[in-house]
Amino acid sequence: MKKIVAFASAAVLGLGLAACDSAAENQAEENIEEMEDARDAEVNQMEADGVITDEQADAMDDQTDAMEESMEEQADNIDGM
């Protein structure tokens, strides 16, 4: 779980450091998608291994979706900086 949070934090930091052009916005959005895919895979594996329950996996998926939405909103503002 700590690895997931660290990865998400790095993605957010990357958004803050990105250049102010549409290529940077696109790259930030790609990074966000990669983070989401990695987290989804980790949650699915944890669920399959019995480390977490279905309900916990659903809650983590909801959290991932909320993080992704927030980071994508930040990425949309890169060009406006």
C-alpha atoms as a PDB file:
ATOM      1  CA  MET A   1       0.000   0.000   0.000  1.00  0.00           C
ATOM      2  CA  LYS A   2       2.859   2.380   0.809  1.00  0.00           C
ATOM      3  CA  LYS A   3       4.282   1.721  -2.651  1.00  0.00           C
ATOM      4  CA  ILE A   4       0.971   2.771  -4.210  1.00  0.00           C
ATOM      5  CA  VAL A   5       0.888   6.021  -2.247  1.00  0.00           C
ATOM      6  CA  ALA A   6       4.511   6.769  -3.139  1.00  0.00           C
ATOM      7  CA  PHE A   7       3.810   6.136  -6.818  1.00  0.00           C
ATOM      8  CA  ALA A   8       0.742   8.391  -6.753  1.00  0.00           C
ATOM      9  CA  SER A   9       2.727  11.106  -4.979  1.00  0.00           C
ATOM     10  CA  ALA A  10       5.439  10.902  -7.619  1.00  0.00           C
ATOM     11  CA  ALA A  11       2.812  11.262 -10.355  1.00  0.00           C
ATOM     12  CA  VAL A  12       1.393  14.374  -8.705  1.00  0.00           C
ATOM     13  CA  LEU A  13       4.895  15.807  -8.280  1.00  0.00           C
ATOM     14  CA  GLY A  14       5.541  15.142 -11.955  1.00  0.00           C
ATOM     15  CA  LEU A  15       2.457  17.168 -12.813  1.00  0.00           C
ATOM     16  CA  GLY A  16       3.803  20.118 -10.882  1.00  0.00           C
ATOM     17  CA  LEU A  17       7.144  19.966 -12.670  1.00  0.00           C
ATOM     18  CA  ALA A  18       5.778  19.515 -16.180  1.00  0.00           C
ATOM     19  CA  ALA A  19       6.352  22.177 -18.823  1.00  0.00           C
ATOM     20  CA  CYS A  20       3.473  24.463 -19.792  1.00  0.00           C
ATOM     21  CA  ASP A  21       2.506  23.003 -23.159  1.00  0.00           C
ATOM     22  CA  SER A  22       0.082  20.444 -24.475  1.00  0.00           C
ATOM     23  CA  ALA A  23       2.826  17.835 -24.886  1.00  0.00           C
ATOM     24  CA  ALA A  24       3.443  18.078 -21.139  1.00  0.00           C
ATOM     25  CA  GLU A  25      -0.255  17.737 -20.451  1.00  0.00           C
ATOM     26  CA  ASN A  26      -0.423  14.644 -22.642  1.00  0.00           C
ATOM     27  CA  GLN A  27       2.598  13.125 -20.919  1.00  0.00           C
ATOM     28  CA  ALA A  28       1.122  13.844 -17.506  1.00  0.00           C
ATOM     29  CA  GLU A  29      -2.117  12.149 -18.505  1.00  0.00           C
ATOM     30  CA  GLU A  30      -0.191   9.122 -19.783  1.00  0.00           C
ATOM     31  CA  ASN A  31       1.644   8.927 -16.454  1.00  0.00           C
ATOM     32  CA  ILE A  32      -1.672   9.094 -14.623  1.00  0.00           C
ATOM     33  CA  GLU A  33      -3.080   6.252 -16.716  1.00  0.00           C
ATOM     34  CA  GLU A  34       0.025   4.162 -16.045  1.00  0.00           C
ATOM     35  CA  MET A  35      -0.329   4.821 -12.304  1.00  0.00           C
ATOM     36  CA  GLU A  36      -3.980   3.811 -12.413  1.00  0.00           C
ATOM     37  CA  ASP A  37      -3.210   0.619 -14.341  1.00  0.00           C
ATOM     38  CA  ALA A  38      -0.413  -0.309 -11.916  1.00  0.00           C
ATOM     39  CA  ARG A  39      -2.574   0.315  -8.879  1.00  0.00           C
ATOM     40  CA  ASP A  40      -5.521  -1.613 -10.367  1.00  0.00           C
ATOM     41  CA  ALA A  41      -3.225  -4.563 -11.087  1.00  0.00           C
ATOM     42  CA  GLU A  42      -1.830  -4.482  -7.562  1.00  0.00           C
ATOM     43  CA  VAL A  43      -5.301  -4.313  -6.008  1.00  0.00           C
ATOM     44  CA  ASN A  44      -6.487  -7.180  -8.198  1.00  0.00           C
ATOM     45  CA  GLN A  45      -3.489  -9.273  -7.180  1.00  0.00           C
ATOM     46  CA  MET A  46      -4.015  -8.495  -3.498  1.00  0.00           C
ATOM     47  CA  GLU A  47      -7.648  -9.540  -3.835  1.00  0.00           C
ATOM     48  CA  ALA A  48      -6.722 -12.726  -5.699  1.00  0.00           C
ATOM     49  CA  ASP A  49      -4.126 -13.584  -3.039  1.00  0.00           C
ATOM     50  CA  GLY A  50      -6.728 -13.111  -0.296  1.00  0.00           C
ATOM     51  CA  VAL A  51      -4.834 -10.223   1.270  1.00  0.00           C
ATOM     52  CA  ILE A  52      -7.888  -7.977   0.997  1.00  0.00           C
ATOM     53  CA  THR A  53     -11.620  -8.592   0.743  1.00  0.00           C
ATOM     54  CA  ASP A  54     -13.852  -7.768  -2.213  1.00  0.00           C
ATOM     55  CA  GLU A  55     -15.182  -4.785  -0.280  1.00  0.00           C
ATOM     56  CA  GLN A  56     -11.673  -3.506   0.423  1.00  0.00           C
ATOM     57  CA  ALA A  57     -10.753  -3.935  -3.227  1.00  0.00           C
ATOM     58  CA  ASP A  58     -13.847  -1.967  -4.263  1.00  0.00           C
ATOM     59  CA  ALA A  59     -12.961   0.803  -1.815  1.00  0.00           C
ATOM     60  CA  MET A  60      -9.403   0.933  -3.133  1.00  0.00           C
ATOM     61  CA  ASP A  61     -10.701   1.037  -6.720  1.00  0.00           C
ATOM     62  CA  ASP A  62     -12.956   3.961  -5.783  1.00  0.00           C
ATOM     63  CA  GLN A  63      -9.965   5.691  -4.191  1.00  0.00           C
ATOM     64  CA  THR A  64      -7.909   5.099  -7.339  1.00  0.00           C
ATOM     65  CA  ASP A  65     -10.662   6.578  -9.501  1.00  0.00           C
ATOM     66  CA  ALA A  66     -10.868   9.666  -7.275  1.00  0.00           C
ATOM     67  CA  MET A  67      -7.088  10.131  -7.370  1.00  0.00           C
ATOM     68  CA  GLU A  68      -7.057   9.747 -11.137  1.00  0.00           C
ATOM     69  CA  GLU A  69      -9.833  12.297 -11.585  1.00  0.00           C
ATOM     70  CA  SER A  70      -8.090  14.804  -9.328  1.00  0.00           C
ATOM     71  CA  MET A  71      -4.735  14.384 -11.066  1.00  0.00           C
ATOM     72  CA  GLU A  72      -6.342  14.654 -14.510  1.00  0.00           C
ATOM     73  CA  GLU A  73      -7.954  17.939 -13.463  1.00  0.00           C
ATOM     74  CA  GLN A  74      -4.502  19.158 -12.465  1.00  0.00           C
ATOM     75  CA  ALA A  75      -3.101  17.982 -15.798  1.00  0.00           C
ATOM     76  CA  ASP A  76      -5.831  19.875 -17.645  1.00  0.00           C
ATOM     77  CA  ASN A  77      -4.542  23.063 -15.993  1.00  0.00           C
ATOM     78  CA  ILE A  78      -0.935  22.595 -17.145  1.00  0.00           C
ATOM     79  CA  ASP A  79      -1.495  24.639 -20.303  1.00  0.00           C
ATOM     80  CA  GLY A  80      -3.036  27.449 -18.267  1.00  0.00           C
ATOM     81  CA  MET A  81       0.043  27.901 -16.036  1.00  0.00           C
END
